[in-house]
C-alpha atoms as a PDB file:
ATOM      1  CA  MET A   1      13.746   0.405  13.359  1.00  0.00           C
ATOM      2  CA  TYR A   2      14.001   3.839  13.445  1.00  0.00           C
ATOM      3  CA  GLY A   3      12.383   6.840  12.188  1.00  0.00           C
ATOM      4  CA  ARG A   4      12.635  10.541  11.813  1.00  0.00           C
ATOM      5  CA  GLY A   5       9.910  12.509  12.313  1.00  0.00           C
ATOM      6  CA  TYR A   6       8.175  11.326  14.873  1.00  0.00           C
ATOM      7  CA  ARG A   7      10.093  13.636  17.756  1.00  0.00           C
ATOM      8  CA  SER A   8      10.914  16.826  17.794  1.00  0.00           C
ATOM      9  CA  GLY A   9      14.379  15.761  18.968  1.00  0.00           C
ATOM     10  CA  GLY A  10      15.410  13.939  15.270  1.00  0.00           C
ATOM     11  CA  LEU A  11      15.493  10.066  15.971  1.00  0.00           C
ATOM     12  CA  GLY A  12      13.185   8.044  17.600  1.00  0.00           C
ATOM     13  CA  PHE A  13      12.259   4.518  18.371  1.00  0.00           C
ATOM     14  CA  GLY A  14       8.512   3.574  17.589  1.00  0.00           C
ATOM     15  CA  PRO A  15       5.448   5.704  17.348  1.00  0.00           C
ATOM     16  CA  PRO A  16       4.381   8.361  19.429  1.00  0.00           C
ATOM     17  CA  ALA A  17       1.581   6.656  20.584  1.00  0.00           C
ATOM     18  CA  THR A  18      -0.875   3.041  19.409  1.00  0.00           C
ATOM     19  CA  PRO A  19      -3.747   3.574  18.212  1.00  0.00           C
ATOM     20  CA  PRO A  20      -6.991   1.646  19.418  1.00  0.00           C
ATOM     21  CA  ILE A  21      -7.298  -0.087  16.316  1.00  0.00           C
ATOM     22  CA  VAL A  22      -3.897  -0.828  15.967  1.00  0.00           C
ATOM     23  CA  LYS A  23      -4.126  -2.574  19.752  1.00  0.00           C
ATOM     24  CA  GLN A  24      -7.075  -4.674  18.782  1.00  0.00           C
ATOM     25  CA  LEU A  25      -5.249  -5.916  15.590  1.00  0.00           C
ATOM     26  CA  LEU A  26      -1.856  -6.669  17.608  1.00  0.00           C
ATOM     27  CA  ILE A  27      -4.306  -8.502  20.101  1.00  0.00           C
ATOM     28  CA  ALA A  28      -6.461 -10.604  17.380  1.00  0.00           C
ATOM     29  CA  ASN A  29      -3.364 -11.685  16.043  1.00  0.00           C
ATOM     30  CA  GLY A  30      -2.213 -13.071  19.116  1.00  0.00           C
ATOM     31  CA  VAL A  31      -5.625 -14.654  20.422  1.00  0.00           C
ATOM     32  CA  VAL A  32      -5.468 -16.437  17.153  1.00  0.00           C
ATOM     33  CA  PHE A  33      -1.587 -17.314  17.271  1.00  0.00           C
ATOM     34  CA  PHE A  34      -2.664 -19.121  20.939  1.00  0.00           C
ATOM     35  CA  ALA A  35      -5.488 -20.537  19.479  1.00  0.00           C
ATOM     36  CA  GLN A  36      -3.200 -22.313  17.280  1.00  0.00           C
ATOM     37  CA  LEU A  37      -1.164 -23.577  19.603  1.00  0.00           C
ATOM     38  CA  LEU A  38      -4.021 -24.833  21.854  1.00  0.00           C
ATOM     39  CA  PHE A  39      -5.647 -26.730  19.114  1.00  0.00           C
ATOM     40  CA  ALA A  40      -2.165 -27.702  17.048  1.00  0.00           C
ATOM     41  CA  GLN A  41      -3.654 -31.410  17.053  1.00  0.00           C
ATOM     42  CA  THR A  42      -6.788 -30.806  15.301  1.00  0.00           C
ATOM     43  CA  GLY A  43      -6.280 -29.363  11.860  1.00  0.00           C
ATOM     44  CA  PHE A  44      -6.942 -25.943  12.747  1.00  0.00           C
ATOM     45  CA  THR A  45      -4.546 -24.326  11.138  1.00  0.00           C
ATOM     46  CA  GLN A  46      -4.667 -26.275   7.650  1.00  0.00           C
ATOM     47  CA  ILE A  47      -8.385 -25.406   8.070  1.00  0.00           C
ATOM     48  CA  PHE A  48      -7.977 -21.675   8.336  1.00  0.00           C
ATOM     49  CA  ALA A  49      -4.660 -20.968   6.414  1.00  0.00           C
ATOM     50  CA  VAL A  50      -5.085 -20.490   2.295  1.00  0.00           C
ATOM     51  CA  GLN A  51      -4.466 -23.262   0.296  1.00  0.00           C
ATOM     52  CA  PRO A  52      -5.418 -22.869  -3.635  1.00  0.00           C
ATOM     53  CA  ALA A  53      -6.794 -26.461  -4.408  1.00  0.00           C
ATOM     54  CA  SER A  54      -9.210 -26.226  -1.003  1.00  0.00           C
ATOM     55  CA  VAL A  55     -10.073 -22.740  -2.076  1.00  0.00           C
ATOM     56  CA  TRP A  56     -11.288 -23.221  -5.688  1.00  0.00           C
ATOM     57  CA  GLN A  57     -11.852 -26.947  -5.658  1.00  0.00           C
ATOM     58  CA  GLY A  58     -12.782 -27.588  -2.318  1.00  0.00           C
ATOM     59  CA  GLY A  59     -14.849 -24.474  -1.714  1.00  0.00           C
ATOM     60  CA  TYR A  60     -13.028 -23.146   1.245  1.00  0.00           C
ATOM     61  CA  LEU A  61     -13.974 -19.627   0.537  1.00  0.00           C
ATOM     62  CA  TRP A  62     -13.170 -18.141   3.680  1.00  0.00           C
ATOM     63  CA  GLN A  63      -9.367 -19.097   3.958  1.00  0.00           C
ATOM     64  CA  PRO A  64      -8.206 -15.808   1.590  1.00  0.00           C
ATOM     65  CA  PHE A  65      -9.675 -13.876   4.499  1.00  0.00           C
ATOM     66  CA  THR A  66      -8.705 -16.494   7.538  1.00  0.00           C
ATOM     67  CA  TYR A  67      -4.998 -16.826   6.476  1.00  0.00           C
ATOM     68  CA  MET A  68      -4.007 -13.662   7.580  1.00  0.00           C
ATOM     69  CA  TRP A  69      -5.071 -14.056  11.343  1.00  0.00           C
ATOM     70  CA  LEU A  70      -2.923 -17.168  11.731  1.00  0.00           C
ATOM     71  CA  HIS A  71       1.059 -17.690  11.620  1.00  0.00           C
ATOM     72  CA  SER A  72       3.553 -20.437  12.241  1.00  0.00           C
ATOM     73  CA  PRO A  73       3.349 -21.840  15.233  1.00  0.00           C
ATOM     74  CA  SER A  74       7.069 -23.429  15.053  1.00  0.00           C
ATOM     75  CA  HIS A  75       8.622 -20.184  14.227  1.00  0.00           C
ATOM     76  CA  TRP A  76       7.877 -17.624  16.556  1.00  0.00           C
ATOM     77  CA  ALA A  77       9.741 -14.870  14.624  1.00  0.00           C
ATOM     78  CA  HIS A  78       6.938 -15.015  11.898  1.00  0.00           C
ATOM     79  CA  ILE A  79       4.563 -13.509  14.112  1.00  0.00           C
ATOM     80  CA  LEU A  80       6.701 -11.442  16.391  1.00  0.00           C
ATOM     81  CA  MET A  81       8.087  -9.659  12.916  1.00  0.00           C
ATOM     82  CA  ASN A  82       4.462  -8.579  11.336  1.00  0.00           C
ATOM     83  CA  LEU A  83       3.257  -7.555  14.699  1.00  0.00           C
ATOM     84  CA  PHE A  84       6.356  -5.434  15.114  1.00  0.00           C
ATOM     85  CA  VAL A  85       6.217  -3.789  11.396  1.00  0.00           C
ATOM     86  CA  LEU A  86       2.270  -3.270  12.361  1.00  0.00           C
ATOM     87  CA  TRP A  87       2.476  -1.516  15.100  1.00  0.00           C
ATOM     88  CA  MET A  88       5.922   0.675  14.053  1.00  0.00           C
ATOM     89  CA  PHE A  89       4.507   1.424  10.865  1.00  0.00           C
ATOM     90  CA  GLY A  90       0.700   0.726  10.830  1.00  0.00           C
ATOM     91  CA  SER A  91       0.257   3.655  14.258  1.00  0.00           C
ATOM     92  CA  PRO A  92       1.446   6.423  12.119  1.00  0.00           C
ATOM     93  CA  LEU A  93      -1.214   5.353   9.416  1.00  0.00           C
ATOM     94  CA  ALA A  94      -3.892   4.968  11.922  1.00  0.00           C
ATOM     95  CA  MET A  95      -3.514   8.412  13.457  1.00  0.00           C
ATOM     96  CA  ALA A  96      -3.382  10.115  10.247  1.00  0.00           C
ATOM     97  CA  TRP A  97      -6.176   8.174   8.479  1.00  0.00           C
ATOM     98  CA  GLY A  98      -8.587   7.416  11.300  1.00  0.00           C
ATOM     99  CA  ALA A  99      -9.611   3.664  12.120  1.00  0.00           C
ATOM    100  CA  ARG A 100     -12.267   2.835   9.978  1.00  0.00           C
ATOM    101  CA  ARG A 101     -10.204   3.890   6.704  1.00  0.00           C
ATOM    102  CA  PHE A 102      -7.477   2.260   7.930  1.00  0.00           C
ATOM    103  CA  LEU A 103      -8.804  -1.070   8.919  1.00  0.00           C
ATOM    104  CA  ARG A 104     -10.314  -1.500   5.685  1.00  0.00           C
ATOM    105  CA  TYR A 105      -7.031  -0.606   3.907  1.00  0.00           C
ATOM    106  CA  TYR A 106      -5.278  -3.328   6.296  1.00  0.00           C
ATOM    107  CA  LEU A 107      -8.512  -5.753   5.281  1.00  0.00           C
ATOM    108  CA  ILE A 108      -8.442  -5.210   1.353  1.00  0.00           C
ATOM    109  CA  CYS A 109      -4.502  -5.641   1.142  1.00  0.00           C
ATOM    110  CA  GLY A 110      -4.619  -8.934   3.245  1.00  0.00           C
ATOM    111  CA  VAL A 111      -7.642 -10.355   1.876  1.00  0.00           C
ATOM    112  CA  GLY A 112      -6.233  -9.237  -2.099  1.00  0.00           C
ATOM    113  CA  ALA A 113      -3.077 -10.851  -1.492  1.00  0.00           C
ATOM    114  CA  GLY A 114      -5.211 -14.189  -0.464  1.00  0.00           C
ATOM    115  CA  LEU A 115      -6.787 -14.221  -3.482  1.00  0.00           C
ATOM    116  CA  LEU A 116      -3.778 -13.646  -5.180  1.00  0.00           C
ATOM    117  CA  ILE A 117      -2.064 -16.766  -3.167  1.00  0.00           C
ATOM    118  CA  ALA A 118      -5.005 -18.558  -3.930  1.00  0.00           C
ATOM    119  CA  SER A 119      -5.487 -18.143  -7.841  1.00  0.00           C
ATOM    120  CA  TRP A 120      -1.306 -17.443  -9.017  1.00  0.00           C
ATOM    121  CA  PRO A 121      -0.265 -21.378  -8.570  1.00  0.00           C
ATOM    122  CA  TYR A 122      -3.265 -22.427 -10.945  1.00  0.00           C
ATOM    123  CA  LEU A 123      -1.575 -19.875 -13.371  1.00  0.00           C
ATOM    124  CA  ALA A 124       1.656 -20.829 -12.818  1.00  0.00           C
ATOM    125  CA  VAL A 125       0.952 -24.577 -13.346  1.00  0.00           C
ATOM    126  CA  ALA A 126      -1.070 -24.124 -16.571  1.00  0.00           C
ATOM    127  CA  LEU A 127       2.107 -21.952 -18.069  1.00  0.00           C
ATOM    128  CA  GLY A 128       4.693 -24.878 -17.079  1.00  0.00           C
ATOM    129  CA  ILE A 129       6.350 -22.822 -14.584  1.00  0.00           C
ATOM    130  CA  ALA A 130       5.554 -24.580 -11.128  1.00  0.00           C
ATOM    131  CA  PRO A 131       4.224 -28.105 -10.356  1.00  0.00           C
ATOM    132  CA  VAL A 132       0.687 -29.535  -9.922  1.00  0.00           C
ATOM    133  CA  THR A 133       2.097 -29.603  -6.434  1.00  0.00           C
ATOM    134  CA  ALA A 134       2.214 -25.962  -5.847  1.00  0.00           C
ATOM    135  CA  LEU A 135      -1.916 -26.019  -5.478  1.00  0.00           C
ATOM    136  CA  PHE A 136      -1.656 -28.022  -2.328  1.00  0.00           C
ATOM    137  CA  TYR A 137       1.012 -25.267  -0.724  1.00  0.00           C
ATOM    138  CA  SER A 138      -0.473 -23.946   2.704  1.00  0.00           C
ATOM    139  CA  THR A 139       0.583 -19.954   3.418  1.00  0.00           C
ATOM    140  CA  LEU A 140      -0.716 -17.985   6.011  1.00  0.00           C
ATOM    141  CA  GLY A 141       0.283 -15.029   7.917  1.00  0.00           C
ATOM    142  CA  ALA A 142      -0.485 -11.190   7.800  1.00  0.00           C
ATOM    143  CA  SER A 143       2.602 -10.495   5.664  1.00  0.00           C
ATOM    144  CA  GLY A 144       0.503  -9.146   2.983  1.00  0.00           C
ATOM    145  CA  ALA A 145      -1.876  -7.080   4.587  1.00  0.00           C
ATOM    146  CA  VAL A 146       1.859  -5.524   6.698  1.00  0.00           C
ATOM    147  CA  TYR A 147       3.353  -4.975   3.091  1.00  0.00           C
ATOM    148  CA  GLY A 148       0.336  -3.229   2.059  1.00  0.00           C
ATOM    149  CA  LEU A 149       0.954  -0.617   5.147  1.00  0.00           C
ATOM    150  CA  LEU A 150       4.470  -0.499   4.140  1.00  0.00           C
ATOM    151  CA  LEU A 151       3.711   0.590   1.170  1.00  0.00           C
ATOM    152  CA  ALA A 152       0.842   3.222   2.124  1.00  0.00           C
ATOM    153  CA  TYR A 153       3.474   4.440   4.964  1.00  0.00           C
ATOM    154  CA  SER A 154       6.009   4.669   2.286  1.00  0.00           C
ATOM    155  CA  LEU A 155       3.920   7.051  -0.338  1.00  0.00           C
ATOM    156  CA  THR A 156       2.685   8.920   2.741  1.00  0.00           C
ATOM    157  CA  TRP A 157       5.682  10.114   4.212  1.00  0.00           C
ATOM    158  CA  PRO A 158       8.323   9.578   1.183  1.00  0.00           C
ATOM    159  CA  ASP A 159      11.118  11.724   2.456  1.00  0.00           C
ATOM    160  CA  ARG A 160      11.036  10.118   6.310  1.00  0.00           C
ATOM    161  CA  THR A 161      14.280   8.635   7.175  1.00  0.00           C
ATOM    162  CA  ILE A 162      14.400   4.854   8.348  1.00  0.00           C
ATOM    163  CA  MET A 163      17.167   3.695  10.325  1.00  0.00           C
ATOM    164  CA  LEU A 164      17.435  -0.148  10.609  1.00  0.00           C
ATOM    165  CA  ILE A 165      19.496  -1.900  13.640  1.00  0.00           C
ATOM    166  CA  PHE A 166      20.779  -4.538  11.736  1.00  0.00           C
ATOM    167  CA  PRO A 167      22.227  -3.765   9.442  1.00  0.00           C
ATOM    168  CA  PRO A 168      23.036   0.107  10.770  1.00  0.00           C
ATOM    169  CA  VAL A 169      21.652   1.676   7.569  1.00  0.00           C
ATOM    170  CA  ALA A 170      19.472   4.465   6.657  1.00  0.00           C
ATOM    171  CA  PHE A 171      17.177   5.303   3.800  1.00  0.00           C
ATOM    172  CA  ARG A 172      14.554   7.361   2.996  1.00  0.00           C
ATOM    173  CA  ALA A 173      10.807   5.397   3.000  1.00  0.00           C
ATOM    174  CA  ILE A 174      10.434   5.508  -0.538  1.00  0.00           C
ATOM    175  CA  TRP A 175      13.216   2.936  -0.936  1.00  0.00           C
ATOM    176  CA  LEU A 176      11.604   0.421   1.986  1.00  0.00           C
ATOM    177  CA  ILE A 177       9.547  -1.589   0.061  1.00  0.00           C
ATOM    178  CA  PRO A 178      12.441  -2.408  -2.854  1.00  0.00           C
ATOM    179  CA  ILE A 179      14.819  -2.787   0.003  1.00  0.00           C
ATOM    180  CA  LEU A 180      12.640  -5.002   2.550  1.00  0.00           C
ATOM    181  CA  PHE A 181      11.782  -7.371  -1.381  1.00  0.00           C
ATOM    182  CA  LEU A 182      15.501  -7.688  -1.567  1.00  0.00           C
ATOM    183  CA  PHE A 183      16.771  -8.642   1.748  1.00  0.00           C
ATOM    184  CA  THR A 184      13.513 -11.321   1.538  1.00  0.00           C
ATOM    185  CA  PHE A 185      15.050 -12.890  -1.430  1.00  0.00           C
ATOM    186  CA  LEU A 186      18.488 -12.990  -0.173  1.00  0.00           C
ATOM    187  CA  MET A 187      17.840 -14.089   3.117  1.00  0.00           C
ATOM    188  CA  ASP A 188      15.423 -16.733   1.885  1.00  0.00           C
ATOM    189  CA  PRO A 189      17.492 -19.185  -0.018  1.00  0.00           C
ATOM    190  CA  THR A 190      14.653 -22.085   0.992  1.00  0.00           C
ATOM    191  CA  GLY A 191      11.837 -20.759  -0.745  1.00  0.00           C
ATOM    192  CA  ARG A 192       9.502 -20.544   2.174  1.00  0.00           C
ATOM    193  CA  VAL A 193       8.434 -17.356   1.860  1.00  0.00           C
ATOM    194  CA  SER A 194       5.474 -16.169   0.237  1.00  0.00           C
ATOM    195  CA  HIS A 195       7.137 -13.504  -2.012  1.00  0.00           C
ATOM    196  CA  VAL A 196       3.513 -13.674  -4.242  1.00  0.00           C
ATOM    197  CA  GLY A 197       1.867 -12.877  -0.863  1.00  0.00           C
ATOM    198  CA  HIS A 198       4.019  -9.913  -0.225  1.00  0.00           C
ATOM    199  CA  LEU A 199       3.758  -9.245  -3.546  1.00  0.00           C
ATOM    200  CA  GLY A 200       0.397  -9.125  -3.838  1.00  0.00           C
ATOM    201  CA  GLY A 201      -0.166  -7.091  -0.781  1.00  0.00           C
ATOM    202  CA  VAL A 202       1.986  -4.397  -1.956  1.00  0.00           C
ATOM    203  CA  LEU A 203      -0.192  -4.715  -5.501  1.00  0.00           C
ATOM    204  CA  VAL A 204      -3.380  -4.678  -4.203  1.00  0.00           C
ATOM    205  CA  GLY A 205      -2.612  -1.561  -1.875  1.00  0.00           C
ATOM    206  CA  TRP A 206      -1.050   0.061  -4.974  1.00  0.00           C
ATOM    207  CA  ILE A 207      -4.237  -0.383  -7.027  1.00  0.00           C
ATOM    208  CA  TYR A 208      -6.575   1.275  -3.939  1.00  0.00           C
ATOM    209  CA  LEU A 209      -4.274   4.041  -2.945  1.00  0.00           C
ATOM    210  CA  ARG A 210      -4.134   4.819  -6.884  1.00  0.00           C
ATOM    211  CA  ARG A 211      -7.804   4.546  -7.343  1.00  0.00           C
ATOM    212  CA  ARG A 212      -8.536   7.351  -4.462  1.00  0.00           C
ATOM    213  CA  GLY A 213      -5.553   9.440  -4.960  1.00  0.00           C
ATOM    214  CA  ALA A 214      -4.764   8.477  -1.418  1.00  0.00           C
ATOM    215  CA  ALA A 215      -1.155   8.911  -0.034  1.00  0.00           C
ATOM    216  CA  GLY A 216      -0.088  12.123  -2.244  1.00  0.00           C
ATOM    217  CA  LYS A 217       1.602  11.900  -5.867  1.00  0.00           C
ATOM    218  CA  LEU A 218       2.475   8.261  -6.350  1.00  0.00           C
ATOM    219  CA  PHE A 219       6.064   7.601  -7.752  1.00  0.00           C
ATOM    220  CA  THR A 220       7.148   7.066 -11.126  1.00  0.00           C
ATOM    221  CA  TRP A 221       9.818   5.482 -12.754  1.00  0.00           C
ATOM    222  CA  ASN A 222      11.252   8.808 -13.818  1.00  0.00           C
ATOM    223  CA  GLN A 223      11.102   9.798  -9.867  1.00  0.00           C
ATOM    224  CA  LEU A 224      12.874   6.714  -8.728  1.00  0.00           C
ATOM    225  CA  LYS A 225      15.849   7.605 -11.266  1.00  0.00           C
ATOM    226  CA  HIS A 226      15.366  10.775  -9.997  1.00  0.00           C
ATOM    227  CA  ARG A 227      16.160   9.772  -6.563  1.00  0.00           C
ATOM    228  CA  TRP A 228      18.704   7.466  -7.357  1.00  0.00           C
ATOM    229  CA  ARG A 229      20.704   9.953  -8.943  1.00  0.00           C
ATOM    230  CA  ARG A 230      20.093  12.560  -5.900  1.00  0.00           C
ATOM    231  CA  TYR A 231      21.176   9.652  -3.840  1.00  0.00           C
ATOM    232  CA  ARG A 232      24.476   8.974  -5.978  1.00  0.00           C
ATOM    233  CA  MET A 233      25.377  12.791  -5.917  1.00  0.00           C
ATOM    234  CA  ARG A 234      24.998  12.541  -1.760  1.00  0.00           C
ATOM    235  CA  GLN A 235      27.906   9.666  -1.582  1.00  0.00           C
ATOM    236  CA  LYS A 236      29.650  11.667  -4.206  1.00  0.00           C
ATOM    237  CA  LEU A 237      29.447  14.638  -1.453  1.00  0.00           C
ATOM    238  CA  ARG A 238      30.138  12.580   1.183  1.00  0.00           C
ATOM    239  CA  ALA A 239      33.292  10.941  -0.591  1.00  0.00           C
ATOM    240  CA  VAL A 240      34.689  14.445  -1.509  1.00  0.00           C
ATOM    241  CA  ARG A 241      33.942  15.536   1.775  1.00  0.00           C
ATOM    242  CA  TYR A 242      35.937  12.795   3.865  1.00  0.00           C
ATOM    243  CA  GLU A 243      38.938  13.022   1.576  1.00  0.00           C
ATOM    244  CA  ASP A 244      38.847  16.656   2.565  1.00  0.00           C
ATOM    245  CA  PHE A 245      38.786  15.998   5.996  1.00  0.00           C
ATOM    246  CA  GLU A 246      41.403  12.896   5.918  1.00  0.00           C
ATOM    247  CA  ALA A 247      43.931  15.745   3.529  1.00  0.00           C
ATOM    248  CA  ARG A 248      43.208  18.444   6.479  1.00  0.00           C
ATOM    249  CA  ARG A 249      44.013  15.407   9.229  1.00  0.00           C
ATOM    250  CA  LYS A 250      47.172  14.414   7.182  1.00  0.00           C
ATOM    251  CA  ARG A 251      48.382  18.027   7.106  1.00  0.00           C
ATOM    252  CA  GLN A 252      47.874  18.595  10.677  1.00  0.00           C
ATOM    253  CA  ASP A 253      49.317  15.876  11.634  1.00  0.00           C
ATOM    254  CA  ARG A 254      52.529  16.537   9.537  1.00  0.00           C
ATOM    255  CA  ASN A 255      52.655  20.349  11.159  1.00  0.00           C
ATOM    256  CA  ASP A 256      52.642  18.537  14.638  1.00  0.00           C
ATOM    257  CA  ARG A 257      55.032  16.481  14.072  1.00  0.00           C
ATOM    258  CA  THR A 258      57.149  19.674  12.955  1.00  0.00           C
ATOM    259  CA  LEU A 259      56.466  21.347  15.957  1.00  0.00           C
ATOM    260  CA  HIS A 260      57.489  18.539  18.066  1.00  0.00           C
END
């Protein structure tokens, strides 16, 4: 991902600096990940990942906090992606907010998402939209906290341009969360991704920012519609300009053939 606005030259890859608090979080996640690999046969991951039945029936109340430091040992892409996003989008926030405020927000989003992960299956089972076995699914990863950071970034710098490497698509930061949710749903046909965790991090982050009046004026439905109309107008303008360019090029080609 690229972000416009970090450097005076326009596009740039990554933040200009990595604050100490972000480095410490990266190191902490890495250390825990290697501990998971080292103690893979001891049930280390199962004890500290969040499982609804273990939390509310087994008394494992630490799990909504500890799960966010764990990642799947069999899928390195899981931790690499979370740490990359933490570095890319968390660094600007930490520089703007300061270490204490940044860490508090990160933990609140992660723990809040963990509590929702532990609680939602009970409601889903009661409503008959999930089997009882859902109470025994384990969830791990920093995605809830990371999605909270993405929300804060998109609300703090809503007009900053984000450029995906693959696919090569550019969009405003305010659309970051909706686009990521769409990509996640499309790329997760097996349902292995915890959408509740992602949504939980965004929801808790939004409530926190709303109560503090942080990150400027939060978007409303009318603002989203306005931005969508602006986007559509820009697309139409680009199309008109392209048609004009093609018409001029064809006229020039005809003139060149006539001269020869």
